[in-house]
Every structure is written in C-alpha cells, then in structure tokens.
Amino acid sequence: VHVVESGGGLVQAGGSLRLSCTASGFTTDDYLIGWFRQAPGKGREGVACISSSDGGTEYGDSVKGRFTISRDNAKNTVYLQMNSLKPEDTAVYYCVADQTGGGYYYASLKTLGDFGSWGQGTKVTVSS
C-alpha cells in the first residue's frame, strides 16, 4: 500500500485547512485509512481514521468536534477537514493506510498505527 498526502500549509489560528491522501495498492475494498501527526519534539499522535468497510470513524481526543475525516472510496482518497485550528495543531501530518489484516475493518487508531503504511507527511503550521 502506498499513500501520498497533500494540502498542508500555513494558516492563522481559527482558520481551516483540508488535507487529502490518495492511496494505491489495495487488493480488496476493505481497508483502514487515516491520519497521525507529530509536533516538534513530541511523539506521534493519532488524529482520525475511517474504515472503508462500514464508514466507521475514530478521532483523537484533542481534535474531536473540530476535525472531520471523510472518504471517496471510488478514488481511494481520504480527506481531513480541519476547522478552528489552534497553534498546538502545528505538526507534520501523516496519512496511514492498513490492509494487512484482511477482511472487515473497524475504525481503530491503534490498529492503524501498529500495522499501517505511512506516507511522507505534509506540514501544517498554525500561527497565533
């Protein structure tokens, strides 16, 4: 599985940004895909993920109510709409996709982080 992110950039606090990720290499229509981020000097944090099997989602606590993940299965593309951005959202955002388990997927950031294939990342900077 190969993923490519796009859409990062500089935005003021309170603003919005949308990230996109296109995946390739899936062997079936069932997979898990989503976003992690890593801020300077910090560890990786799960942001959001979505299952292609049932559309179920999981969000990290710090982004609930502000970020929305969505997908276009026909295009193997996932989007992360980020609203009400804060300076603490500044990070490199990585798209991650997993199809190692096979079969039906439930949305799980833990599963995605443990088994997924990672993209190169796209930088998001939120100025105060």
Foldseek 3Di string as FASTA:
>chain_A
DAKDKDWADEAAAQAKTKMKMADDDDPDLWKKKAKWWDDPPGDIGGAKIAISQPRAMDGDPVQPPFWDKDDDSVRNMIMIIGGNDDQVVWTWMKMWMDCVVPDHDHYDSVVRVVGTDIYPTDTHGYHD
